[in-house]
Amino acid sequence: MQRRELFRLLGAGAVLPVLTPDLFAFFHQAQPPSSYAVRTLNPHQNATVTLMVDMIIPDTDTPGAKTARVNEFIDLILTDWATEQERQLFLTGLADVDKRSNVVFAKDFVDCTPLQQDELLREFDQRLAVERESVVPTVTRRRSLPSQLQGNFFGVLKHMTLYGYYTSEIGFKQELQDEIIPGAYHGCTPVARKA
């Protein structure tokens, strides 16, 4: 199974059933308009977030997170809905990405080669998995995971990427092939006989 397929299943299975119609409408409403300009992230931070979300959900036979403008969704959430503390935790975690990248490769994340970026992303993902195992008991993991990982930058980024992507028009219509509001009901449509 490819990583994209796994995220599609996780996104559809873990994100959408949890979303009530009101919550789904909230996240869909949080999608930035086409004229949106980032307000919280500076250009370097935006480039880093854009690259990371694109690596989490890349373009394949359907558009990925970068095409769905998930970086702008994240900026909008940070600007309009996050508390000052949540915003600072996110920005501190984002700065730590470059700190780690500079320790390992002596350059910022966006300046690394794709192989180096992939290596760093895998390291962040492994740390997240270790944190999950050590913080959340196996029996209660599914129920308590979101609240337990609020402080983990990469966990928050992955969750925001999934929510941003699968509540975007691209993610919802093209990837999941669903409709936000189903079309008209045609109850008395005659069925054609097969010849």
C-alpha atoms as a PDB file:
ATOM      1  CA  MET A   1       0.000   0.000   0.000  1.00  0.00           C
ATOM      2  CA  GLN A   2       1.368   3.388  -0.935  1.00  0.00           C
ATOM      3  CA  ARG A   3       1.616   6.199   1.604  1.00  0.00           C
ATOM      4  CA  ARG A   4      -0.939   8.274  -0.339  1.00  0.00           C
ATOM      5  CA  GLU A   5      -3.463   5.424  -0.248  1.00  0.00           C
ATOM      6  CA  LEU A   6      -2.881   4.979   3.480  1.00  0.00           C
ATOM      7  CA  PHE A   7      -3.523   8.679   4.144  1.00  0.00           C
ATOM      8  CA  ARG A   8      -6.637   8.552   1.951  1.00  0.00           C
ATOM      9  CA  LEU A   9      -8.006   5.674   4.018  1.00  0.00           C
ATOM     10  CA  LEU A  10      -6.970   7.291   7.288  1.00  0.00           C
ATOM     11  CA  GLY A  11      -8.393  10.614   6.207  1.00  0.00           C
ATOM     12  CA  ALA A  12     -11.662   9.125   5.087  1.00  0.00           C
ATOM     13  CA  GLY A  13     -11.885   6.659   7.961  1.00  0.00           C
ATOM     14  CA  ALA A  14     -10.571   8.752  10.813  1.00  0.00           C
ATOM     15  CA  VAL A  15     -11.451  12.291   9.851  1.00  0.00           C
ATOM     16  CA  LEU A  16     -14.798  12.304   8.090  1.00  0.00           C
ATOM     17  CA  PRO A  17     -16.870  10.022  10.376  1.00  0.00           C
ATOM     18  CA  VAL A  18     -15.706  12.041  13.384  1.00  0.00           C
ATOM     19  CA  LEU A  19     -16.856  15.251  11.767  1.00  0.00           C
ATOM     20  CA  THR A  20     -20.443  16.123  12.464  1.00  0.00           C
ATOM     21  CA  PRO A  21     -22.109  18.067   9.640  1.00  0.00           C
ATOM     22  CA  ASP A  22     -21.565  21.268  11.635  1.00  0.00           C
ATOM     23  CA  LEU A  23     -17.884  20.514  12.276  1.00  0.00           C
ATOM     24  CA  PHE A  24     -17.370  19.489   8.650  1.00  0.00           C
ATOM     25  CA  ALA A  25     -18.997  22.753   7.552  1.00  0.00           C
ATOM     26  CA  PHE A  26     -16.669  24.607   9.938  1.00  0.00           C
ATOM     27  CA  PHE A  27     -13.554  23.039   8.418  1.00  0.00           C
ATOM     28  CA  HIS A  28     -14.867  23.460   4.894  1.00  0.00           C
ATOM     29  CA  GLN A  29     -15.671  27.085   5.696  1.00  0.00           C
ATOM     30  CA  ALA A  30     -12.106  27.470   6.966  1.00  0.00           C
ATOM     31  CA  GLN A  31     -10.821  26.788   3.467  1.00  0.00           C
ATOM     32  CA  PRO A  32      -9.185  30.002   2.275  1.00  0.00           C
ATOM     33  CA  PRO A  33     -10.660  31.932  -0.655  1.00  0.00           C
ATOM     34  CA  SER A  34      -8.701  31.948  -3.910  1.00  0.00           C
ATOM     35  CA  SER A  35      -7.386  35.446  -3.163  1.00  0.00           C
ATOM     36  CA  TYR A  36      -6.038  34.473   0.275  1.00  0.00           C
ATOM     37  CA  ALA A  37      -2.622  35.816   1.322  1.00  0.00           C
ATOM     38  CA  VAL A  38      -0.859  34.217   4.294  1.00  0.00           C
ATOM     39  CA  ARG A  39      -0.929  36.381   7.411  1.00  0.00           C
ATOM     40  CA  THR A  40       0.727  34.425  10.225  1.00  0.00           C
ATOM     41  CA  LEU A  41       3.448  32.510   8.400  1.00  0.00           C
ATOM     42  CA  ASN A  42       6.334  34.507   6.970  1.00  0.00           C
ATOM     43  CA  PRO A  43       7.570  33.526   3.466  1.00  0.00           C
ATOM     44  CA  HIS A  44      10.197  31.084   4.794  1.00  0.00           C
ATOM     45  CA  GLN A  45       7.733  29.456   7.231  1.00  0.00           C
ATOM     46  CA  ASN A  46       5.130  29.212   4.480  1.00  0.00           C
ATOM     47  CA  ALA A  47       7.649  27.577   2.124  1.00  0.00           C
ATOM     48  CA  THR A  48       8.544  25.051   4.847  1.00  0.00           C
ATOM     49  CA  VAL A  49       4.904  24.226   5.621  1.00  0.00           C
ATOM     50  CA  THR A  50       4.086  23.970   1.908  1.00  0.00           C
ATOM     51  CA  LEU A  51       6.952  21.549   1.346  1.00  0.00           C
ATOM     52  CA  MET A  52       6.083  19.430   4.381  1.00  0.00           C
ATOM     53  CA  VAL A  53       2.364  19.106   3.559  1.00  0.00           C
ATOM     54  CA  ASP A  54       3.300  18.274  -0.041  1.00  0.00           C
ATOM     55  CA  MET A  55       5.514  15.476   1.248  1.00  0.00           C
ATOM     56  CA  ILE A  56       2.729  14.180   3.508  1.00  0.00           C
ATOM     57  CA  ILE A  57       0.128  14.134   0.710  1.00  0.00           C
ATOM     58  CA  PRO A  58       1.932  14.508  -2.652  1.00  0.00           C
ATOM     59  CA  ASP A  59       0.381  14.841  -6.095  1.00  0.00           C
ATOM     60  CA  THR A  60      -0.343  11.436  -7.644  1.00  0.00           C
ATOM     61  CA  ASP A  61      -3.207  10.642  -9.987  1.00  0.00           C
ATOM     62  CA  THR A  62      -5.117  13.260  -7.976  1.00  0.00           C
ATOM     63  CA  PRO A  63      -3.849  16.616  -6.711  1.00  0.00           C
ATOM     64  CA  GLY A  64      -2.010  16.677  -3.387  1.00  0.00           C
ATOM     65  CA  ALA A  65      -1.948  18.951  -0.342  1.00  0.00           C
ATOM     66  CA  LYS A  66       0.103  21.662  -2.044  1.00  0.00           C
ATOM     67  CA  THR A  67      -2.374  21.910  -4.916  1.00  0.00           C
ATOM     68  CA  ALA A  68      -5.243  21.936  -2.395  1.00  0.00           C
ATOM     69  CA  ARG A  69      -3.503  24.921  -0.719  1.00  0.00           C
ATOM     70  CA  VAL A  70      -3.338  23.201   2.667  1.00  0.00           C
ATOM     71  CA  ASN A  71      -0.570  25.601   3.696  1.00  0.00           C
ATOM     72  CA  GLU A  72      -3.085  28.449   3.384  1.00  0.00           C
ATOM     73  CA  PHE A  73      -5.657  26.434   5.364  1.00  0.00           C
ATOM     74  CA  ILE A  74      -3.079  26.022   8.140  1.00  0.00           C
ATOM     75  CA  ASP A  75      -2.251  29.722   8.058  1.00  0.00           C
ATOM     76  CA  LEU A  76      -5.945  30.607   8.234  1.00  0.00           C
ATOM     77  CA  ILE A  77      -6.454  28.301  11.240  1.00  0.00           C
ATOM     78  CA  LEU A  78      -3.380  29.781  12.950  1.00  0.00           C
ATOM     79  CA  THR A  79      -4.539  33.339  12.223  1.00  0.00           C
ATOM     80  CA  ASP A  80      -8.268  33.213  12.868  1.00  0.00           C
ATOM     81  CA  TRP A  81      -8.923  30.249  15.168  1.00  0.00           C
ATOM     82  CA  ALA A  82      -5.806  29.312  17.132  1.00  0.00           C
ATOM     83  CA  THR A  83      -5.094  30.829  20.508  1.00  0.00           C
ATOM     84  CA  GLU A  84      -1.873  32.787  20.927  1.00  0.00           C
ATOM     85  CA  GLN A  85      -0.378  29.841  22.836  1.00  0.00           C
ATOM     86  CA  GLU A  86      -1.357  27.334  20.111  1.00  0.00           C
ATOM     87  CA  ARG A  87       0.037  29.646  17.433  1.00  0.00           C
ATOM     88  CA  GLN A  88       3.345  30.034  19.286  1.00  0.00           C
ATOM     89  CA  LEU A  89       3.625  26.276  19.890  1.00  0.00           C
ATOM     90  CA  PHE A  90       3.152  25.664  16.172  1.00  0.00           C
ATOM     91  CA  LEU A  91       5.665  28.329  15.134  1.00  0.00           C
ATOM     92  CA  THR A  92       8.202  27.070  17.696  1.00  0.00           C
ATOM     93  CA  GLY A  93       7.789  23.535  16.348  1.00  0.00           C
ATOM     94  CA  LEU A  94       8.228  24.836  12.823  1.00  0.00           C
ATOM     95  CA  ALA A  95      11.449  26.623  13.845  1.00  0.00           C
ATOM     96  CA  ASP A  96      12.647  23.348  15.382  1.00  0.00           C
ATOM     97  CA  VAL A  97      12.377  21.719  11.944  1.00  0.00           C
ATOM     98  CA  ASP A  98      15.083  24.074  10.660  1.00  0.00           C
ATOM     99  CA  LYS A  99      17.137  23.649  13.846  1.00  0.00           C
ATOM    100  CA  ARG A 100      17.144  19.865  13.393  1.00  0.00           C
ATOM    101  CA  SER A 101      17.865  20.216   9.691  1.00  0.00           C
ATOM    102  CA  ASN A 102      20.824  22.496  10.440  1.00  0.00           C
ATOM    103  CA  VAL A 103      22.199  20.060  13.031  1.00  0.00           C
ATOM    104  CA  VAL A 104      22.017  17.127  10.618  1.00  0.00           C
ATOM    105  CA  PHE A 105      22.636  18.742   7.210  1.00  0.00           C
ATOM    106  CA  ALA A 106      23.928  22.281   7.998  1.00  0.00           C
ATOM    107  CA  LYS A 107      21.087  23.935   6.062  1.00  0.00           C
ATOM    108  CA  ASP A 108      17.421  24.816   6.431  1.00  0.00           C
ATOM    109  CA  PHE A 109      14.789  22.197   5.590  1.00  0.00           C
ATOM    110  CA  VAL A 110      13.736  23.887   2.336  1.00  0.00           C
ATOM    111  CA  ASP A 111      17.365  23.989   1.170  1.00  0.00           C
ATOM    112  CA  CYS A 112      17.965  20.265   1.703  1.00  0.00           C
ATOM    113  CA  THR A 113      17.839  17.717  -1.090  1.00  0.00           C
ATOM    114  CA  PRO A 114      14.593  15.735  -1.450  1.00  0.00           C
ATOM    115  CA  LEU A 115      16.363  12.683   0.018  1.00  0.00           C
ATOM    116  CA  GLN A 116      17.488  14.692   3.061  1.00  0.00           C
ATOM    117  CA  GLN A 117      14.008  16.171   3.497  1.00  0.00           C
ATOM    118  CA  ASP A 118      12.510  12.695   3.355  1.00  0.00           C
ATOM    119  CA  GLU A 119      15.000  11.482   5.963  1.00  0.00           C
ATOM    120  CA  LEU A 120      14.053  14.318   8.320  1.00  0.00           C
ATOM    121  CA  LEU A 121      10.328  13.779   7.818  1.00  0.00           C
ATOM    122  CA  ARG A 122      10.730  10.078   8.594  1.00  0.00           C
ATOM    123  CA  GLU A 123      12.657  10.988  11.758  1.00  0.00           C
ATOM    124  CA  PHE A 124       9.845  13.322  12.879  1.00  0.00           C
ATOM    125  CA  ASP A 125       7.301  10.597  12.132  1.00  0.00           C
ATOM    126  CA  GLN A 126       9.277   8.012  14.125  1.00  0.00           C
ATOM    127  CA  ARG A 127       9.519  10.395  17.072  1.00  0.00           C
ATOM    128  CA  LEU A 128       5.766  10.897  16.885  1.00  0.00           C
ATOM    129  CA  ALA A 129       5.197   7.125  16.891  1.00  0.00           C
ATOM    130  CA  VAL A 130       7.500   6.690  19.907  1.00  0.00           C
ATOM    131  CA  GLU A 131       5.681   9.488  21.726  1.00  0.00           C
ATOM    132  CA  ARG A 132       2.320   7.878  20.985  1.00  0.00           C
ATOM    133  CA  GLU A 133       3.490   4.563  22.398  1.00  0.00           C
ATOM    134  CA  SER A 134       4.984   6.072  25.531  1.00  0.00           C
ATOM    135  CA  VAL A 135       2.218   8.574  26.302  1.00  0.00           C
ATOM    136  CA  VAL A 136      -0.974   6.774  25.360  1.00  0.00           C
ATOM    137  CA  PRO A 137      -1.776   3.281  26.660  1.00  0.00           C
ATOM    138  CA  THR A 138      -2.552   0.811  23.877  1.00  0.00           C
ATOM    139  CA  VAL A 139      -6.140   0.208  25.007  1.00  0.00           C
ATOM    140  CA  THR A 140      -7.159   3.879  25.012  1.00  0.00           C
ATOM    141  CA  ARG A 141      -5.006   5.082  22.108  1.00  0.00           C
ATOM    142  CA  ARG A 142      -7.804   5.778  19.597  1.00  0.00           C
ATOM    143  CA  ARG A 143      -9.904   7.773  22.030  1.00  0.00           C
ATOM    144  CA  SER A 144      -7.206   9.920  23.596  1.00  0.00           C
ATOM    145  CA  LEU A 145      -4.737  10.450  20.766  1.00  0.00           C
ATOM    146  CA  PRO A 146      -5.778  13.940  19.582  1.00  0.00           C
ATOM    147  CA  SER A 147      -5.663  15.515  23.035  1.00  0.00           C
ATOM    148  CA  GLN A 148      -2.378  13.811  23.911  1.00  0.00           C
ATOM    149  CA  LEU A 149      -0.505  15.101  20.855  1.00  0.00           C
ATOM    150  CA  GLN A 150      -1.457  18.746  20.903  1.00  0.00           C
ATOM    151  CA  GLY A 151       2.091  19.700  21.866  1.00  0.00           C
ATOM    152  CA  ASN A 152       3.829  17.559  19.229  1.00  0.00           C
ATOM    153  CA  PHE A 153       4.428  19.794  16.215  1.00  0.00           C
ATOM    154  CA  PHE A 154       4.612  17.032  13.628  1.00  0.00           C
ATOM    155  CA  GLY A 155       1.465  15.379  14.994  1.00  0.00           C
ATOM    156  CA  VAL A 156      -0.394  18.678  14.838  1.00  0.00           C
ATOM    157  CA  LEU A 157       0.919  19.324  11.306  1.00  0.00           C
ATOM    158  CA  LYS A 158      -0.213  15.889  10.121  1.00  0.00           C
ATOM    159  CA  HIS A 159      -3.672  16.324  11.651  1.00  0.00           C
ATOM    160  CA  MET A 160      -4.054  19.798  10.149  1.00  0.00           C
ATOM    161  CA  THR A 161      -2.852  18.488   6.776  1.00  0.00           C
ATOM    162  CA  LEU A 162      -5.435  15.700   6.798  1.00  0.00           C
ATOM    163  CA  TYR A 163      -8.260  18.003   7.904  1.00  0.00           C
ATOM    164  CA  GLY A 164      -7.230  20.712   5.450  1.00  0.00           C
ATOM    165  CA  TYR A 165      -6.884  18.322   2.543  1.00  0.00           C
ATOM    166  CA  TYR A 166      -9.975  16.181   3.042  1.00  0.00           C
ATOM    167  CA  THR A 167     -12.244  19.155   3.720  1.00  0.00           C
ATOM    168  CA  SER A 168     -10.957  21.003   0.638  1.00  0.00           C
ATOM    169  CA  GLU A 169     -12.869  20.730  -2.604  1.00  0.00           C
ATOM    170  CA  ILE A 170      -9.950  18.859  -4.191  1.00  0.00           C
ATOM    171  CA  GLY A 171      -9.618  16.334  -1.385  1.00  0.00           C
ATOM    172  CA  PHE A 172     -13.314  15.797  -0.912  1.00  0.00           C
ATOM    173  CA  LYS A 173     -14.461  15.678  -4.527  1.00  0.00           C
ATOM    174  CA  GLN A 174     -11.428  14.415  -6.438  1.00  0.00           C
ATOM    175  CA  GLU A 175      -9.728  12.155  -3.887  1.00  0.00           C
ATOM    176  CA  LEU A 176     -12.720  10.810  -1.953  1.00  0.00           C
ATOM    177  CA  GLN A 177     -15.147  11.360  -4.857  1.00  0.00           C
ATOM    178  CA  ASP A 178     -17.885  12.505  -2.487  1.00  0.00           C
ATOM    179  CA  GLU A 179     -20.340  15.371  -2.603  1.00  0.00           C
ATOM    180  CA  ILE A 180     -20.745  17.780   0.295  1.00  0.00           C
ATOM    181  CA  ILE A 181     -24.441  18.133  -0.497  1.00  0.00           C
ATOM    182  CA  PRO A 182     -25.805  15.213  -2.544  1.00  0.00           C
ATOM    183  CA  GLY A 183     -27.553  15.973  -5.798  1.00  0.00           C
ATOM    184  CA  ALA A 184     -31.275  15.771  -6.436  1.00  0.00           C
ATOM    185  CA  TYR A 185     -33.212  12.674  -5.467  1.00  0.00           C
ATOM    186  CA  HIS A 186     -34.859  10.921  -8.405  1.00  0.00           C
ATOM    187  CA  GLY A 187     -37.025   8.295  -6.700  1.00  0.00           C
ATOM    188  CA  CYS A 188     -39.275   7.311  -9.605  1.00  0.00           C
ATOM    189  CA  THR A 189     -36.684   7.018 -12.338  1.00  0.00           C
ATOM    190  CA  PRO A 190     -37.494   4.063 -14.603  1.00  0.00           C
ATOM    191  CA  VAL A 191     -34.853   1.386 -14.842  1.00  0.00           C
ATOM    192  CA  ALA A 192     -33.894   0.407 -18.386  1.00  0.00           C
ATOM    193  CA  ARG A 193     -34.012  -3.301 -19.185  1.00  0.00           C
ATOM    194  CA  LYS A 194     -30.896  -5.054 -20.383  1.00  0.00           C
ATOM    195  CA  ALA A 195     -31.133  -6.513 -23.822  1.00  0.00           C
END
